[in-house]
Amino acid sequence: RPVDTILQVSMIPVYGNGVQEVQIY
């Protein structure tokens, strides 16, 4: 989804189990 860049940094909750690779586009 779109995010306002004025935030500079966004903390986004994601979920999973164990060790996962998280990719940010």
mmCIF file of all heavy atoms, coordinates in Angstrom:
data_MODEL
# 
_entry.id   MODEL 
# 
loop_
_atom_site.group_PDB 
_atom_site.id 
_atom_site.type_symbol 
_atom_site.label_atom_id 
_atom_site.label_alt_id 
_atom_site.label_comp_id 
_atom_site.label_asym_id 
_atom_site.label_entity_id 
_atom_site.label_seq_id 
_atom_site.pdbx_PDB_ins_code 
_atom_site.Cartn_x 
_atom_site.Cartn_y 
_atom_site.Cartn_z 
_atom_site.occupancy 
_atom_site.B_iso_or_equiv 
_atom_site.pdbx_formal_charge 
_atom_site.auth_seq_id 
_atom_site.auth_comp_id 
_atom_site.auth_asym_id 
_atom_site.auth_atom_id 
_atom_site.pdbx_PDB_model_num 
ATOM 1   N N   . ARG A 1 1  ? 0.835  -1.196  0.000  1.00 0.00 ? 1  ARG A N   1 
ATOM 2   C CA  . ARG A 1 1  ? 0.000  0.000   0.000  1.00 0.00 ? 1  ARG A CA  1 
ATOM 3   C C   . ARG A 1 1  ? 0.871  1.248   0.000  1.00 0.00 ? 1  ARG A C   1 
ATOM 4   O O   . ARG A 1 1  ? 2.037  1.195   0.338  1.00 0.00 ? 1  ARG A O   1 
ATOM 5   C CB  . ARG A 1 1  ? -0.973 0.000   1.185  1.00 0.00 ? 1  ARG A CB  1 
ATOM 6   C CG  . ARG A 1 1  ? -0.318 0.009   2.537  1.00 0.00 ? 1  ARG A CG  1 
ATOM 7   C CD  . ARG A 1 1  ? -1.366 -0.133  3.638  1.00 0.00 ? 1  ARG A CD  1 
ATOM 8   N NE  . ARG A 1 1  ? -2.005 -1.448  3.591  1.00 0.00 ? 1  ARG A NE  1 
ATOM 9   C CZ  . ARG A 1 1  ? -2.677 -1.978  4.595  1.00 0.00 ? 1  ARG A CZ  1 
ATOM 10  N NH1 . ARG A 1 1  ? -2.828 -1.303  5.720  1.00 0.00 ? 1  ARG A NH1 1 
ATOM 11  N NH2 . ARG A 1 1  ? -3.209 -3.178  4.493  1.00 0.00 ? 1  ARG A NH2 1 
ATOM 12  N N   . PRO A 1 2  ? 0.277  2.390   -0.355 1.00 0.00 ? 2  PRO A N   1 
ATOM 13  C CA  . PRO A 1 2  ? 1.056  3.632   -0.370 1.00 0.00 ? 2  PRO A CA  1 
ATOM 14  C C   . PRO A 1 2  ? 1.363  4.123   1.039  1.00 0.00 ? 2  PRO A C   1 
ATOM 15  O O   . PRO A 1 2  ? 0.559  3.958   1.957  1.00 0.00 ? 2  PRO A O   1 
ATOM 16  C CB  . PRO A 1 2  ? 0.149  4.624   -1.116 1.00 0.00 ? 2  PRO A CB  1 
ATOM 17  C CG  . PRO A 1 2  ? -1.202 4.027   -1.125 1.00 0.00 ? 2  PRO A CG  1 
ATOM 18  C CD  . PRO A 1 2  ? -1.066 2.550   -0.895 1.00 0.00 ? 2  PRO A CD  1 
ATOM 19  N N   . VAL A 1 3  ? 2.534  4.724   1.183  1.00 0.00 ? 3  VAL A N   1 
ATOM 20  C CA  . VAL A 1 3  ? 2.979  5.281   2.456  1.00 0.00 ? 3  VAL A CA  1 
ATOM 21  C C   . VAL A 1 3  ? 3.508  6.687   2.180  1.00 0.00 ? 3  VAL A C   1 
ATOM 22  O O   . VAL A 1 3  ? 4.210  6.912   1.199  1.00 0.00 ? 3  VAL A O   1 
ATOM 23  C CB  . VAL A 1 3  ? 4.105  4.409   3.070  1.00 0.00 ? 3  VAL A CB  1 
ATOM 24  C CG1 . VAL A 1 3  ? 4.640  5.029   4.358  1.00 0.00 ? 3  VAL A CG1 1 
ATOM 25  C CG2 . VAL A 1 3  ? 3.605  2.990   3.344  1.00 0.00 ? 3  VAL A CG2 1 
ATOM 26  N N   . ASP A 1 4  ? 3.175  7.626   3.060  1.00 0.00 ? 4  ASP A N   1 
ATOM 27  C CA  . ASP A 1 4  ? 3.671  9.001   2.927  1.00 0.00 ? 4  ASP A CA  1 
ATOM 28  C C   . ASP A 1 4  ? 5.149  9.047   3.306  1.00 0.00 ? 4  ASP A C   1 
ATOM 29  O O   . ASP A 1 4  ? 5.527  8.628   4.397  1.00 0.00 ? 4  ASP A O   1 
ATOM 30  C CB  . ASP A 1 4  ? 2.894  9.949   3.851  1.00 0.00 ? 4  ASP A CB  1 
ATOM 31  C CG  . ASP A 1 4  ? 1.462  10.163  3.381  1.00 0.00 ? 4  ASP A CG  1 
ATOM 32  O OD1 . ASP A 1 4  ? 1.228  10.052  2.158  1.00 0.00 ? 4  ASP A OD1 1 
ATOM 33  O OD2 . ASP A 1 4  ? 0.595  10.433  4.218  1.00 0.00 ? 4  ASP A OD2 1 
ATOM 34  N N   . THR A 1 5  ? 5.966  9.611   2.414  1.00 0.00 ? 5  THR A N   1 
ATOM 35  C CA  . THR A 1 5  ? 7.405  9.660   2.680  1.00 0.00 ? 5  THR A CA  1 
ATOM 36  C C   . THR A 1 5  ? 7.763  10.664  3.768  1.00 0.00 ? 5  THR A C   1 
ATOM 37  O O   . THR A 1 5  ? 8.861  10.603  4.325  1.00 0.00 ? 5  THR A O   1 
ATOM 38  C CB  . THR A 1 5  ? 8.188  10.007  1.402  1.00 0.00 ? 5  THR A CB  1 
ATOM 39  O OG1 . THR A 1 5  ? 7.688  11.244  0.870  1.00 0.00 ? 5  THR A OG1 1 
ATOM 40  C CG2 . THR A 1 5  ? 8.067  8.924   0.363  1.00 0.00 ? 5  THR A CG2 1 
ATOM 41  N N   . ILE A 1 6  ? 6.846  11.573  4.099  1.00 0.00 ? 6  ILE A N   1 
ATOM 42  C CA  . ILE A 1 6  ? 7.128  12.548  5.159  1.00 0.00 ? 6  ILE A CA  1 
ATOM 43  C C   . ILE A 1 6  ? 7.403  11.846  6.486  1.00 0.00 ? 6  ILE A C   1 
ATOM 44  O O   . ILE A 1 6  ? 8.061  12.391  7.371  1.00 0.00 ? 6  ILE A O   1 
ATOM 45  C CB  . ILE A 1 6  ? 5.971  13.571  5.288  1.00 0.00 ? 6  ILE A CB  1 
ATOM 46  C CG1 . ILE A 1 6  ? 6.437  14.819  6.026  1.00 0.00 ? 6  ILE A CG1 1 
ATOM 47  C CG2 . ILE A 1 6  ? 4.755  12.940  5.951  1.00 0.00 ? 6  ILE A CG2 1 
ATOM 48  C CD1 . ILE A 1 6  ? 5.484  15.991  5.921  1.00 0.00 ? 6  ILE A CD1 1 
ATOM 49  N N   . LEU A 1 7  ? 6.935  10.606  6.620  1.00 0.00 ? 7  LEU A N   1 
ATOM 50  C CA  . LEU A 1 7  ? 7.187  9.824   7.837  1.00 0.00 ? 7  LEU A CA  1 
ATOM 51  C C   . LEU A 1 7  ? 8.662  9.474   7.990  1.00 0.00 ? 7  LEU A C   1 
ATOM 52  O O   . LEU A 1 7  ? 9.128  9.191   9.086  1.00 0.00 ? 7  LEU A O   1 
ATOM 53  C CB  . LEU A 1 7  ? 6.371  8.524   7.803  1.00 0.00 ? 7  LEU A CB  1 
ATOM 54  C CG  . LEU A 1 7  ? 4.852  8.665   7.764  1.00 0.00 ? 7  LEU A CG  1 
ATOM 55  C CD1 . LEU A 1 7  ? 4.203  7.324   7.491  1.00 0.00 ? 7  LEU A CD1 1 
ATOM 56  C CD2 . LEU A 1 7  ? 4.344  9.238   9.076  1.00 0.00 ? 7  LEU A CD2 1 
ATOM 57  N N   . GLN A 1 8  ? 9.426  9.445   6.861  1.00 0.00 ? 8  GLN A N   1 
ATOM 58  C CA  . GLN A 1 8  ? 10.847 9.117   6.815  1.00 0.00 ? 8  GLN A CA  1 
ATOM 59  C C   . GLN A 1 8  ? 11.138 7.659   7.144  1.00 0.00 ? 8  GLN A C   1 
ATOM 60  O O   . GLN A 1 8  ? 11.856 6.995   6.422  1.00 0.00 ? 8  GLN A O   1 
ATOM 61  C CB  . GLN A 1 8  ? 11.680 10.040  7.720  1.00 0.00 ? 8  GLN A CB  1 
ATOM 62  C CG  . GLN A 1 8  ? 11.611 11.494  7.294  1.00 0.00 ? 8  GLN A CG  1 
ATOM 63  C CD  . GLN A 1 8  ? 12.472 12.392  8.149  1.00 0.00 ? 8  GLN A CD  1 
ATOM 64  O OE1 . GLN A 1 8  ? 12.729 12.106  9.318  1.00 0.00 ? 8  GLN A OE1 1 
ATOM 65  N NE2 . GLN A 1 8  ? 12.913 13.494  7.577  1.00 0.00 ? 8  GLN A NE2 1 
ATOM 66  N N   . VAL A 1 9  ? 10.583 7.188   8.256  1.00 0.00 ? 9  VAL A N   1 
ATOM 67  C CA  . VAL A 1 9  ? 10.723 5.777   8.618  1.00 0.00 ? 9  VAL A CA  1 
ATOM 68  C C   . VAL A 1 9  ? 9.340  5.264   9.013  1.00 0.00 ? 9  VAL A C   1 
ATOM 69  O O   . VAL A 1 9  ? 8.601  5.952   9.714  1.00 0.00 ? 9  VAL A O   1 
ATOM 70  C CB  . VAL A 1 9  ? 11.711 5.583   9.789  1.00 0.00 ? 9  VAL A CB  1 
ATOM 71  C CG1 . VAL A 1 9  ? 11.670 4.154   10.288 1.00 0.00 ? 9  VAL A CG1 1 
ATOM 72  C CG2 . VAL A 1 9  ? 13.116 5.957   9.363  1.00 0.00 ? 9  VAL A CG2 1 
ATOM 73  N N   . SER A 1 10 ? 8.991  4.092   8.544  1.00 0.00 ? 10 SER A N   1 
ATOM 74  C CA  . SER A 1 10 ? 7.717  3.489   8.902  1.00 0.00 ? 10 SER A CA  1 
ATOM 75  C C   . SER A 1 10 ? 7.971  2.127   9.525  1.00 0.00 ? 10 SER A C   1 
ATOM 76  O O   . SER A 1 10 ? 8.774  1.347   9.014  1.00 0.00 ? 10 SER A O   1 
ATOM 77  C CB  . SER A 1 10 ? 6.836  3.355   7.653  1.00 0.00 ? 10 SER A CB  1 
ATOM 78  O OG  . SER A 1 10 ? 5.553  2.906   7.988  1.00 0.00 ? 10 SER A OG  1 
ATOM 79  N N   . MET A 1 11 ? 7.326  1.873   10.649 1.00 0.00 ? 11 MET A N   1 
ATOM 80  C CA  . MET A 1 11 ? 7.400  0.561   11.280 1.00 0.00 ? 11 MET A CA  1 
ATOM 81  C C   . MET A 1 11 ? 6.143  -0.207  10.897 1.00 0.00 ? 11 MET A C   1 
ATOM 82  O O   . MET A 1 11 ? 5.037  0.212   11.231 1.00 0.00 ? 11 MET A O   1 
ATOM 83  C CB  . MET A 1 11 ? 7.509  0.696   12.795 1.00 0.00 ? 11 MET A CB  1 
ATOM 84  C CG  . MET A 1 11 ? 8.754  1.428   13.263 1.00 0.00 ? 11 MET A CG  1 
ATOM 85  S SD  . MET A 1 11 ? 10.311 0.606   12.822 1.00 0.00 ? 11 MET A SD  1 
ATOM 86  C CE  . MET A 1 11 ? 10.266 -0.782  13.958 1.00 0.00 ? 11 MET A CE  1 
ATOM 87  N N   . ILE A 1 12 ? 6.317  -1.294  10.171 1.00 0.00 ? 12 ILE A N   1 
ATOM 88  C CA  . ILE A 1 12 ? 5.177  -2.027  9.641  1.00 0.00 ? 12 ILE A CA  1 
ATOM 89  C C   . ILE A 1 12 ? 5.166  -3.432  10.223 1.00 0.00 ? 12 ILE A C   1 
ATOM 90  O O   . ILE A 1 12 ? 6.155  -4.161  10.120 1.00 0.00 ? 12 ILE A O   1 
ATOM 91  C CB  . ILE A 1 12 ? 5.235  -2.069  8.096  1.00 0.00 ? 12 ILE A CB  1 
ATOM 92  C CG1 . ILE A 1 12 ? 5.157  -0.631  7.553  1.00 0.00 ? 12 ILE A CG1 1 
ATOM 93  C CG2 . ILE A 1 12 ? 4.121  -2.952  7.538  1.00 0.00 ? 12 ILE A CG2 1 
ATOM 94  C CD1 . ILE A 1 12 ? 5.323  -0.515  6.067  1.00 0.00 ? 12 ILE A CD1 1 
ATOM 95  N N   . PRO A 1 13 ? 4.057  -3.826  10.862 1.00 0.00 ? 13 PRO A N   1 
ATOM 96  C CA  . PRO A 1 13 ? 3.991  -5.162  11.451 1.00 0.00 ? 13 PRO A CA  1 
ATOM 97  C C   . PRO A 1 13 ? 3.758  -6.240  10.399 1.00 0.00 ? 13 PRO A C   1 
ATOM 98  O O   . PRO A 1 13 ? 2.883  -6.106  9.549  1.00 0.00 ? 13 PRO A O   1 
ATOM 99  C CB  . PRO A 1 13 ? 2.807  -5.072  12.414 1.00 0.00 ? 13 PRO A CB  1 
ATOM 100 C CG  . PRO A 1 13 ? 1.939  -3.999  11.857 1.00 0.00 ? 13 PRO A CG  1 
ATOM 101 C CD  . PRO A 1 13 ? 2.842  -3.040  11.129 1.00 0.00 ? 13 PRO A CD  1 
ATOM 102 N N   . VAL A 1 14 ? 4.585  -7.264  10.451 1.00 0.00 ? 14 VAL A N   1 
ATOM 103 C CA  . VAL A 1 14 ? 4.394  -8.443  9.605  1.00 0.00 ? 14 VAL A CA  1 
ATOM 104 C C   . VAL A 1 14 ? 4.433  -9.656  10.514 1.00 0.00 ? 14 VAL A C   1 
ATOM 105 O O   . VAL A 1 14 ? 4.815  -9.558  11.677 1.00 0.00 ? 14 VAL A O   1 
ATOM 106 C CB  . VAL A 1 14 ? 5.477  -8.546  8.502  1.00 0.00 ? 14 VAL A CB  1 
ATOM 107 C CG1 . VAL A 1 14 ? 5.376  -7.382  7.526  1.00 0.00 ? 14 VAL A CG1 1 
ATOM 108 C CG2 . VAL A 1 14 ? 6.872  -8.636  9.095  1.00 0.00 ? 14 VAL A CG2 1 
ATOM 109 N N   . TYR A 1 15 ? 4.014  -10.788 9.989  1.00 0.00 ? 15 TYR A N   1 
ATOM 110 C CA  . TYR A 1 15 ? 3.948  -11.963 10.852 1.00 0.00 ? 15 TYR A CA  1 
ATOM 111 C C   . TYR A 1 15 ? 4.561  -13.174 10.157 1.00 0.00 ? 15 TYR A C   1 
ATOM 112 O O   . TYR A 1 15 ? 4.675  -13.234 8.934  1.00 0.00 ? 15 TYR A O   1 
ATOM 113 C CB  . TYR A 1 15 ? 2.508  -12.257 11.277 1.00 0.00 ? 15 TYR A CB  1 
ATOM 114 C CG  . TYR A 1 15 ? 1.553  -12.484 10.126 1.00 0.00 ? 15 TYR A CG  1 
ATOM 115 C CD1 . TYR A 1 15 ? 1.389  -13.745 9.575  1.00 0.00 ? 15 TYR A CD1 1 
ATOM 116 C CD2 . TYR A 1 15 ? 0.833  -11.429 9.580  1.00 0.00 ? 15 TYR A CD2 1 
ATOM 117 C CE1 . TYR A 1 15 ? 0.527  -13.947 8.514  1.00 0.00 ? 15 TYR A CE1 1 
ATOM 118 C CE2 . TYR A 1 15 ? -0.033 -11.615 8.526  1.00 0.00 ? 15 TYR A CE2 1 
ATOM 119 C CZ  . TYR A 1 15 ? -0.182 -12.875 7.996  1.00 0.00 ? 15 TYR A CZ  1 
ATOM 120 O OH  . TYR A 1 15 ? -1.023 -13.079 6.935  1.00 0.00 ? 15 TYR A OH  1 
ATOM 121 N N   . GLY A 1 16 ? 4.956  -14.117 10.977 1.00 0.00 ? 16 GLY A N   1 
ATOM 122 C CA  . GLY A 1 16 ? 5.529  -15.348 10.458 1.00 0.00 ? 16 GLY A CA  1 
ATOM 123 C C   . GLY A 1 16 ? 5.897  -16.272 11.597 1.00 0.00 ? 16 GLY A C   1 
ATOM 124 O O   . GLY A 1 16 ? 5.609  -16.003 12.759 1.00 0.00 ? 16 GLY A O   1 
ATOM 125 N N   . ASN A 1 17 ? 6.525  -17.367 11.249 1.00 0.00 ? 17 ASN A N   1 
ATOM 126 C CA  . ASN A 1 17 ? 7.029  -18.320 12.242 1.00 0.00 ? 17 ASN A CA  1 
ATOM 127 C C   . ASN A 1 17 ? 8.449  -18.693 11.874 1.00 0.00 ? 17 ASN A C   1 
ATOM 128 O O   . ASN A 1 17 ? 8.766  -18.849 10.702 1.00 0.00 ? 17 ASN A O   1 
ATOM 129 C CB  . ASN A 1 17 ? 6.168  -19.581 12.283 1.00 0.00 ? 17 ASN A CB  1 
ATOM 130 C CG  . ASN A 1 17 ? 4.781  -19.311 12.848 1.00 0.00 ? 17 ASN A CG  1 
ATOM 131 O OD1 . ASN A 1 17 ? 3.801  -19.299 12.126 1.00 0.00 ? 17 ASN A OD1 1 
ATOM 132 N ND2 . ASN A 1 17 ? 4.703  -19.063 14.141 1.00 0.00 ? 17 ASN A ND2 1 
ATOM 133 N N   . GLY A 1 18 ? 9.278  -18.831 12.900 1.00 0.00 ? 18 GLY A N   1 
ATOM 134 C CA  . GLY A 1 18 ? 10.667 -19.206 12.655 1.00 0.00 ? 18 GLY A CA  1 
ATOM 135 C C   . GLY A 1 18 ? 11.425 -18.084 11.972 1.00 0.00 ? 18 GLY A C   1 
ATOM 136 O O   . GLY A 1 18 ? 11.060 -16.919 12.058 1.00 0.00 ? 18 GLY A O   1 
ATOM 137 N N   . VAL A 1 19 ? 12.489 -18.442 11.283 1.00 0.00 ? 19 VAL A N   1 
ATOM 138 C CA  . VAL A 1 19 ? 13.330 -17.458 10.601 1.00 0.00 ? 19 VAL A CA  1 
ATOM 139 C C   . VAL A 1 19 ? 12.842 -17.310 9.168  1.00 0.00 ? 19 VAL A C   1 
ATOM 140 O O   . VAL A 1 19 ? 12.733 -18.307 8.446  1.00 0.00 ? 19 VAL A O   1 
ATOM 141 C CB  . VAL A 1 19 ? 14.810 -17.878 10.636 1.00 0.00 ? 19 VAL A CB  1 
ATOM 142 C CG1 . VAL A 1 19 ? 15.670 -16.892 9.856  1.00 0.00 ? 19 VAL A CG1 1 
ATOM 143 C CG2 . VAL A 1 19 ? 15.301 -17.988 12.078 1.00 0.00 ? 19 VAL A CG2 1 
ATOM 144 N N   . GLN A 1 20 ? 12.522 -16.092 8.776  1.00 0.00 ? 20 GLN A N   1 
ATOM 145 C CA  . GLN A 1 20 ? 12.010 -15.815 7.438  1.00 0.00 ? 20 GLN A CA  1 
ATOM 146 C C   . GLN A 1 20 ? 12.825 -14.712 6.780  1.00 0.00 ? 20 GLN A C   1 
ATOM 147 O O   . GLN A 1 20 ? 13.342 -13.825 7.456  1.00 0.00 ? 20 GLN A O   1 
ATOM 148 C CB  . GLN A 1 20 ? 10.547 -15.354 7.506  1.00 0.00 ? 20 GLN A CB  1 
ATOM 149 C CG  . GLN A 1 20 ? 9.593  -16.351 8.104  1.00 0.00 ? 20 GLN A CG  1 
ATOM 150 C CD  . GLN A 1 20 ? 9.239  -17.471 7.147  1.00 0.00 ? 20 GLN A CD  1 
ATOM 151 O OE1 . GLN A 1 20 ? 9.525  -17.426 5.957  1.00 0.00 ? 20 GLN A OE1 1 
ATOM 152 N NE2 . GLN A 1 20 ? 8.592  -18.495 7.687  1.00 0.00 ? 20 GLN A NE2 1 
ATOM 153 N N   . GLU A 1 21 ? 12.885 -14.766 5.457  1.00 0.00 ? 21 GLU A N   1 
ATOM 154 C CA  . GLU A 1 21 ? 13.466 -13.664 4.708  1.00 0.00 ? 21 GLU A CA  1 
ATOM 155 C C   . GLU A 1 21 ? 12.372 -12.634 4.441  1.00 0.00 ? 21 GLU A C   1 
ATOM 156 O O   . GLU A 1 21 ? 11.301 -12.971 3.937  1.00 0.00 ? 21 GLU A O   1 
ATOM 157 C CB  . GLU A 1 21 ? 14.047 -14.153 3.384  1.00 0.00 ? 21 GLU A CB  1 
ATOM 158 C CG  . GLU A 1 21 ? 14.770 -13.056 2.628  1.00 0.00 ? 21 GLU A CG  1 
ATOM 159 C CD  . GLU A 1 21 ? 15.413 -13.568 1.341  1.00 0.00 ? 21 GLU A CD  1 
ATOM 160 O OE1 . GLU A 1 21 ? 14.689 -13.724 0.347  1.00 0.00 ? 21 GLU A OE1 1 
ATOM 161 O OE2 . GLU A 1 21 ? 16.629 -13.793 1.362  1.00 0.00 ? 21 GLU A OE2 1 
ATOM 162 N N   . VAL A 1 22 ? 12.644 -11.402 4.807  1.00 0.00 ? 22 VAL A N   1 
ATOM 163 C CA  . VAL A 1 22 ? 11.697 -10.305 4.605  1.00 0.00 ? 22 VAL A CA  1 
ATOM 164 C C   . VAL A 1 22 ? 12.275 -9.367  3.553  1.00 0.00 ? 22 VAL A C   1 
ATOM 165 O O   . VAL A 1 22 ? 13.390 -8.860  3.706  1.00 0.00 ? 22 VAL A O   1 
ATOM 166 C CB  . VAL A 1 22 ? 11.437 -9.550  5.929  1.00 0.00 ? 22 VAL A CB  1 
ATOM 167 C CG1 . VAL A 1 22 ? 10.547 -8.349  5.699  1.00 0.00 ? 22 VAL A CG1 1 
ATOM 168 C CG2 . VAL A 1 22 ? 10.816 -10.491 6.956  1.00 0.00 ? 22 VAL A CG2 1 
ATOM 169 N N   . GLN A 1 23 ? 11.514 -9.163  2.472  1.00 0.00 ? 23 GLN A N   1 
ATOM 170 C CA  . GLN A 1 23 ? 11.953 -8.298  1.380  1.00 0.00 ? 23 GLN A CA  1 
ATOM 171 C C   . GLN A 1 23 ? 11.075 -7.063  1.332  1.00 0.00 ? 23 GLN A C   1 
ATOM 172 O O   . GLN A 1 23 ? 9.848  -7.165  1.400  1.00 0.00 ? 23 GLN A O   1 
ATOM 173 C CB  . GLN A 1 23 ? 11.873 -9.024  0.041  1.00 0.00 ? 23 GLN A CB  1 
ATOM 174 C CG  . GLN A 1 23 ? 12.831 -10.204 -0.057 1.00 0.00 ? 23 GLN A CG  1 
ATOM 175 C CD  . GLN A 1 23 ? 12.543 -11.030 -1.295 1.00 0.00 ? 23 GLN A CD  1 
ATOM 176 O OE1 . GLN A 1 23 ? 11.465 -11.567 -1.448 1.00 0.00 ? 23 GLN A OE1 1 
ATOM 177 N NE2 . GLN A 1 23 ? 13.509 -11.120 -2.185 1.00 0.00 ? 23 GLN A NE2 1 
ATOM 178 N N   . ILE A 1 24 ? 11.713 -5.900  1.224  1.00 0.00 ? 24 ILE A N   1 
ATOM 179 C CA  . ILE A 1 24 ? 10.990 -4.633  1.176  1.00 0.00 ? 24 ILE A CA  1 
ATOM 180 C C   . ILE A 1 24 ? 11.188 -4.006  -0.199 1.00 0.00 ? 24 ILE A C   1 
ATOM 181 O O   . ILE A 1 24 ? 12.325 -3.789  -0.638 1.00 0.00 ? 24 ILE A O   1 
ATOM 182 C CB  . ILE A 1 24 ? 11.491 -3.678  2.270  1.00 0.00 ? 24 ILE A CB  1 
ATOM 183 C CG1 . ILE A 1 24 ? 11.264 -4.305  3.649  1.00 0.00 ? 24 ILE A CG1 1 
ATOM 184 C CG2 . ILE A 1 24 ? 10.803 -2.315  2.161  1.00 0.00 ? 24 ILE A CG2 1 
ATOM 185 C CD1 . ILE A 1 24 ? 11.963 -3.585  4.778  1.00 0.00 ? 24 ILE A CD1 1 
ATOM 186 N N   . TYR A 1 25 ? 10.071 -3.747  -0.874 1.00 0.00 ? 25 TYR A N   1 
ATOM 187 C CA  . TYR A 1 25 ? 10.081 -3.081  -2.169 1.00 0.00 ? 25 TYR A CA  1 
ATOM 188 C C   . TYR A 1 25 ? 9.478  -1.694  -2.016 1.00 0.00 ? 25 TYR A C   1 
ATOM 189 O O   . TYR A 1 25 ? 8.446  -1.529  -1.360 1.00 0.00 ? 25 TYR A O   1 
ATOM 190 C CB  . TYR A 1 25 ? 9.242  -3.854  -3.191 1.00 0.00 ? 25 TYR A CB  1 
ATOM 191 C CG  . TYR A 1 25 ? 9.841  -5.169  -3.631 1.00 0.00 ? 25 TYR A CG  1 
ATOM 192 C CD1 . TYR A 1 25 ? 9.710  -6.317  -2.853 1.00 0.00 ? 25 TYR A CD1 1 
ATOM 193 C CD2 . TYR A 1 25 ? 10.537 -5.267  -4.834 1.00 0.00 ? 25 TYR A CD2 1 
ATOM 194 C CE1 . TYR A 1 25 ? 10.251 -7.527  -3.257 1.00 0.00 ? 25 TYR A CE1 1 
ATOM 195 C CE2 . TYR A 1 25 ? 11.078 -6.479  -5.248 1.00 0.00 ? 25 TYR A CE2 1 
ATOM 196 C CZ  . TYR A 1 25 ? 10.941 -7.593  -4.459 1.00 0.00 ? 25 TYR A CZ  1 
ATOM 197 O OH  . TYR A 1 25 ? 11.479 -8.792  -4.864 1.00 0.00 ? 25 TYR A OH  1 
# 
